């Protein structure tokens, strides 16, 4: 198979626009198993259904699952883009309601531990996508890898996902602290996912907020909570967003509320997002 080596845009072309065309938000969690990708895929679906041009970038590099949750079979992934085999626009797969997905790939070592040079090349290749969409949602892998920290330094808006488990709250606090260290102006909203009740969600949020206020002097905005719901498991098995498969379910109703979080519509920066991400690598 002949590989397509495309021309990378120059730095002058990348900085031509004074402002990012798309709103760009990061969705992250401190640990795995919080249901972060469920939130990301459903928010992307709902926003696309509402008429926005939406791109979901699955940056859970090497361990991607957004394509499975959306029932999409991508031909290309982030690895192909990073290696210069295809332009980013060619690597996009179409999901429900016309949304686009850039898959993170599965089992790619280079994506799990990329070098600065590799990330710089990838960020430069992704930059032109900002002009093609109204909203870019970046779904990060759990923890604080180098790529995640660079994204947090670049974004204006972070949606932090946790559940009531003490380990999820502790790791989420560490991520929140790190985000504010690299980006003091970042706007952070928090969602408590897979909660047995509103009481459990509120208690978990109170613990998180208390620690944040005590040790950092500030806390995220509490967006709300999503109940543990068997409809979510069924939607995963059917490879459909729960908000598409069963929009009247409790989880779908709650996620729809999260998708209306106002800062999502204003998640733009004075410089293009991937310009800022590249600067964070240096």
Protein backbone atom coordinates (compact mmCIF):
# COMPACT_ATOMS: atom_id res chain seq x y z
CA UNK A 1 0.00 0.00 0.00
CA UNK A 2 1.39 3.36 -0.99
CA UNK A 3 1.40 5.85 1.86
CA UNK A 4 0.19 9.39 1.29
CA UNK A 5 2.69 11.91 2.64
CA UNK A 6 0.78 15.15 2.84
CA UNK A 7 2.18 18.64 3.15
CA UNK A 8 2.06 19.92 6.71
CA UNK A 9 0.74 23.49 7.09
CA UNK A 10 3.38 26.11 7.81
CA UNK A 11 3.53 28.02 11.09
CA UNK A 12 2.44 31.15 9.19
CA UNK A 13 -0.66 29.36 7.89
CA UNK A 14 -1.47 28.01 11.34
CA UNK A 15 -1.37 31.43 12.99
CA UNK A 16 -3.21 33.30 10.24
CA UNK A 17 -6.45 33.36 12.21
CA UNK A 18 -6.49 35.46 15.36
CA UNK A 19 -9.00 33.27 17.13
CA UNK A 20 -9.98 29.62 17.19
CA UNK A 21 -12.96 29.11 14.89
CA UNK A 22 -14.32 26.16 16.86
CA UNK A 23 -15.20 25.89 20.50
CA UNK A 24 -12.80 23.29 21.94
CA UNK A 25 -13.46 21.48 25.21
CA UNK A 26 -11.50 18.76 26.96
CA UNK A 27 -13.24 15.92 28.81
CA UNK A 28 -11.01 14.12 31.31
CA UNK A 29 -10.94 12.13 34.52
CA UNK A 30 -8.32 11.23 37.06
CA UNK A 31 -8.80 7.47 36.75
CA UNK A 32 -10.34 4.98 34.38
CA UNK A 33 -13.82 3.59 34.76
CA UNK A 34 -15.64 6.84 35.49
CA UNK A 35 -17.68 6.71 32.29
CA UNK A 36 -15.89 9.66 30.73
CA UNK A 37 -16.18 8.36 27.18
CA UNK A 38 -19.90 7.75 27.67
CA UNK A 39 -20.28 11.45 28.47
CA UNK A 40 -18.07 12.50 25.56
CA UNK A 41 -19.85 10.43 22.91
CA UNK A 42 -23.31 11.38 24.10
CA UNK A 43 -22.52 15.10 24.32
CA UNK A 44 -21.06 14.94 20.80
CA UNK A 45 -24.20 13.19 19.56
CA UNK A 46 -26.58 15.64 21.24
CA UNK A 47 -24.71 18.68 19.98
CA UNK A 48 -24.68 17.27 16.43
CA UNK A 49 -28.37 16.49 16.69
CA UNK A 50 -28.90 20.13 17.64
CA UNK A 51 -27.36 21.24 14.35
CA UNK A 52 -23.73 21.92 15.25
CA UNK A 53 -20.78 20.64 13.22
CA UNK A 54 -19.15 18.43 15.86
CA UNK A 55 -15.82 16.63 15.94
CA UNK A 56 -14.99 14.14 18.67
CA UNK A 57 -11.27 13.39 19.01
CA UNK A 58 -10.63 10.22 20.99
CA UNK A 59 -7.29 11.04 22.61
CA UNK A 60 -7.37 7.93 24.78
CA UNK A 61 -4.46 7.07 22.55
CA UNK A 62 -3.85 3.39 21.98
CA UNK A 63 -6.83 2.37 24.13
CA UNK A 64 -9.60 4.09 22.18
CA UNK A 65 -13.22 3.03 22.53
CA UNK A 66 -15.33 5.95 21.25
CA UNK A 67 -15.73 4.19 17.89
CA UNK A 68 -17.22 1.19 19.68
CA UNK A 69 -19.64 3.36 21.65
CA UNK A 70 -20.79 5.07 18.44
CA UNK A 71 -20.95 1.99 16.22
CA UNK A 72 -18.30 3.42 13.88
CA UNK A 73 -15.57 1.46 12.06
CA UNK A 74 -12.78 3.97 11.33
CA UNK A 75 -10.37 3.32 8.50
CA UNK A 76 -7.74 5.62 10.00
CA UNK A 77 -6.82 6.92 13.44
CA UNK A 78 -4.59 9.43 15.21
CA UNK A 79 -1.58 7.24 14.56
CA UNK A 80 -1.98 7.54 10.81
CA UNK A 81 -2.21 11.33 11.17
CA UNK A 82 0.79 11.56 13.50
CA UNK A 83 2.93 9.50 11.11
CA UNK A 84 1.92 11.68 8.18
CA UNK A 85 0.20 8.87 6.33
CA UNK A 86 -3.07 10.79 5.81
CA UNK A 87 -4.25 14.34 6.49
CA UNK A 88 -6.46 14.75 9.54
CA UNK A 89 -9.50 15.50 7.38
CA UNK A 90 -9.14 12.14 5.60
CA UNK A 91 -8.89 10.26 8.90
CA UNK A 92 -12.34 11.37 10.08
CA UNK A 93 -15.15 8.82 10.31
CA UNK A 94 -18.82 9.76 10.27
CA UNK A 95 -20.98 9.07 13.30
CA UNK A 96 -24.66 9.57 14.09
CA UNK A 97 -26.34 12.85 13.09
CA UNK A 98 -23.37 13.77 10.93
CA UNK A 99 -20.86 14.13 13.76
CA UNK A 100 -17.27 13.23 12.95
CA UNK A 101 -14.90 11.03 14.93
CA UNK A 102 -11.12 10.92 14.91
CA UNK A 103 -10.32 7.61 16.56
CA UNK A 104 -7.39 7.15 18.92
CA UNK A 105 -6.50 3.72 17.60
CA UNK A 106 -5.96 0.53 19.56
CA UNK A 107 -2.63 -0.92 20.65
CA UNK A 108 -0.42 1.74 19.06
CA UNK A 109 2.73 2.14 21.15
CA UNK A 110 3.67 5.47 19.56
CA UNK A 111 0.35 6.93 20.69
CA UNK A 112 0.73 5.65 24.25
CA UNK A 113 4.12 7.34 24.78
CA UNK A 114 4.62 9.95 22.05
CA UNK A 115 7.67 12.18 22.00
CA UNK A 116 7.41 15.97 21.98
CA UNK A 117 8.32 15.99 18.32
CA UNK A 118 5.61 13.47 17.50
CA UNK A 119 3.01 15.43 19.45
CA UNK A 120 4.07 18.68 17.80
CA UNK A 121 3.61 17.09 14.39
CA UNK A 122 0.22 15.70 15.41
CA UNK A 123 -0.99 19.00 16.87
CA UNK A 124 0.10 20.83 13.72
CA UNK A 125 -1.79 18.33 11.58
CA UNK A 126 -4.95 18.70 13.72
CA UNK A 127 -4.91 22.49 13.67
CA UNK A 128 -6.79 22.95 10.33
CA UNK A 129 -9.77 21.02 11.72
CA UNK A 130 -10.62 23.97 13.96
CA UNK A 131 -11.92 25.85 10.91
CA UNK A 132 -14.18 22.98 9.84
CA UNK A 133 -16.28 22.57 12.99
CA UNK A 134 -18.37 24.51 15.46
CA UNK A 135 -17.36 22.29 18.38
CA UNK A 136 -14.36 20.02 18.97
CA UNK A 137 -14.62 17.63 21.93
CA UNK A 138 -11.39 15.98 23.05
CA UNK A 139 -11.88 12.80 25.07
CA UNK A 140 -8.72 12.12 27.06
CA UNK A 141 -7.43 8.93 28.56
CA UNK A 142 -7.42 8.69 32.34
CA UNK A 143 -4.56 10.28 34.22
CA UNK A 144 -2.08 13.01 33.35
CA UNK A 145 -0.05 11.95 30.36
CA UNK A 146 2.07 14.46 28.47
CA UNK A 147 -0.53 14.97 25.75
CA UNK A 148 -3.28 15.53 28.30
CA UNK A 149 -1.28 18.18 30.17
CA UNK A 150 -0.51 19.99 26.90
CA UNK A 151 -4.21 20.02 26.05
CA UNK A 152 -5.12 21.29 29.50
CA UNK A 153 -2.61 24.11 29.13
CA UNK A 154 -4.24 25.07 25.82
CA UNK A 155 -7.95 24.77 26.52
CA UNK A 156 -10.26 27.32 28.04
CA UNK A 157 -12.77 24.72 29.20
CA UNK A 158 -12.50 21.35 30.95
CA UNK A 159 -15.29 18.95 31.83
CA UNK A 160 -14.03 16.81 34.70
CA UNK A 161 -15.79 13.47 35.18
CA UNK A 162 -15.70 11.47 38.41
CA UNK A 163 -17.81 9.01 40.31
CA UNK A 164 -18.38 8.80 44.08
CA UNK A 165 -15.55 6.31 44.71
CA UNK A 166 -12.82 7.74 46.89
CA UNK A 167 -10.10 6.79 44.40
CA UNK A 168 -11.92 8.54 41.55
CA UNK A 169 -12.38 11.66 43.68
CA UNK A 170 -8.73 11.65 44.76
CA UNK A 171 -7.41 11.21 41.23
CA UNK A 172 -9.89 13.77 39.93
CA UNK A 173 -8.62 16.26 42.49
CA UNK A 174 -5.04 15.65 41.32
CA UNK A 175 -6.07 16.30 37.73
CA UNK A 176 -7.96 19.46 38.71
CA UNK A 177 -4.96 20.73 40.64
CA UNK A 178 -2.63 20.04 37.72
CA UNK A 179 -4.97 21.73 35.25
CA UNK A 180 -4.97 24.90 37.31
CA UNK A 181 -1.20 24.80 37.67
CA UNK A 182 -0.62 24.75 33.90
CA UNK A 183 -3.60 26.97 33.06
CA UNK A 184 -4.78 29.31 35.86
CA UNK A 185 -7.56 30.74 33.64
CA UNK A 186 -9.16 27.39 32.84
CA UNK A 187 -12.92 27.03 33.36
CA UNK A 188 -13.69 23.65 34.93
CA UNK A 189 -17.06 21.99 35.36
CA UNK A 190 -17.53 18.71 37.23
CA UNK A 191 -19.94 15.84 36.68
CA UNK A 192 -20.56 13.04 39.15
CA UNK A 193 -21.31 9.96 37.07
CA UNK A 194 -22.86 6.57 37.85
CA UNK A 195 -24.38 7.64 41.16
CA UNK A 196 -26.92 5.53 43.03
CA UNK A 197 -28.84 8.62 44.17
CA UNK A 198 -28.73 12.39 44.29
CA UNK A 199 -27.69 12.13 47.94
CA UNK A 200 -24.65 10.05 47.01
CA UNK A 201 -23.76 12.51 44.24
CA UNK A 202 -24.14 15.53 46.50
CA UNK A 203 -22.06 13.97 49.27
CA UNK A 204 -19.28 13.13 46.81
CA UNK A 205 -19.36 16.64 45.39
CA UNK A 206 -19.26 18.17 48.88
CA UNK A 207 -16.13 16.15 49.69
CA UNK A 208 -14.45 17.22 46.46
CA UNK A 209 -15.41 20.86 46.84
CA UNK A 210 -14.30 20.92 50.47
CA UNK A 211 -10.83 19.59 49.67
CA UNK A 212 -10.47 21.92 46.68
CA UNK A 213 -11.48 25.00 48.64
CA UNK A 214 -9.30 24.09 51.59
CA UNK A 215 -6.09 23.33 49.74
CA UNK A 216 -6.44 25.30 46.48
CA UNK A 217 -8.76 28.14 47.44
CA UNK A 218 -11.21 27.38 44.62
CA UNK A 219 -13.35 24.57 43.21
CA UNK A 220 -14.89 23.61 39.86
CA UNK A 221 -18.43 24.50 38.92
CA UNK A 222 -20.77 21.64 39.75
CA UNK A 223 -22.67 20.80 36.57
CA UNK A 224 -24.69 17.92 37.97
CA UNK A 225 -24.89 14.15 38.31
CA UNK A 226 -25.77 11.16 36.14
CA UNK A 227 -27.50 8.17 37.72
CA UNK A 228 -26.36 4.58 37.41
CA UNK A 229 -28.73 3.29 34.75
CA UNK A 230 -29.07 -0.10 33.05
CA UNK A 231 -29.95 1.73 29.83
CA UNK A 232 -26.31 2.79 29.54
CA UNK A 233 -25.13 -0.84 29.58
CA UNK A 234 -27.71 -1.70 26.92
CA UNK A 235 -26.60 1.22 24.77
CA UNK A 236 -22.98 0.07 24.98
CA UNK A 237 -24.00 -3.41 23.85
CA UNK A 238 -25.94 -1.90 20.94
CA UNK A 239 -23.13 0.55 20.13
CA UNK A 240 -25.40 3.55 20.29
CA UNK A 241 -25.35 6.62 22.53
CA UNK A 242 -27.94 6.18 25.26
CA UNK A 243 -29.34 9.60 24.36
CA UNK A 244 -30.08 8.19 20.91
CA UNK A 245 -31.23 4.71 21.89
CA UNK A 246 -33.32 5.60 24.94
CA UNK A 247 -33.65 9.39 25.25
CA UNK A 248 -36.29 9.12 27.98
CA UNK A 249 -34.03 7.11 30.32
CA UNK A 250 -32.78 8.75 33.53
CA UNK A 251 -29.15 8.72 32.36
CA UNK A 252 -30.01 10.21 28.97
CA UNK A 253 -32.04 12.96 30.58
CA UNK A 254 -29.16 13.82 32.93
CA UNK A 255 -26.56 13.79 30.15
CA UNK A 256 -28.73 16.09 28.08
CA UNK A 257 -28.59 18.56 30.95
CA UNK A 258 -24.79 18.30 31.06
CA UNK A 259 -24.62 18.90 27.30
CA UNK A 260 -26.29 22.28 27.80
CA UNK A 261 -23.54 23.56 30.12
CA UNK A 262 -23.15 27.14 28.89
CA UNK A 263 -19.31 27.38 28.86
CA UNK A 264 -19.24 24.78 26.07
CA UNK A 265 -20.59 27.42 23.68
CA UNK A 266 -17.90 29.91 24.63
CA UNK A 267 -14.88 27.59 24.78
CA UNK A 268 -12.72 29.65 22.47
CA UNK A 269 -9.27 31.10 23.04
CA UNK A 270 -7.58 34.23 21.71
CA UNK A 271 -5.19 31.98 19.78
CA UNK A 272 -6.13 28.80 17.92
CA UNK A 273 -6.28 25.86 20.31
CA UNK A 274 -3.57 23.78 18.70
CA UNK A 275 -1.26 26.79 18.48
CA UNK A 276 -1.52 26.98 22.25
CA UNK A 277 -1.06 23.22 22.64
CA UNK A 278 2.13 23.31 20.56
CA UNK A 279 3.45 26.19 22.67
CA UNK A 280 2.80 24.11 25.79
CA UNK A 281 5.13 21.41 24.45
CA UNK A 282 8.11 23.76 24.41
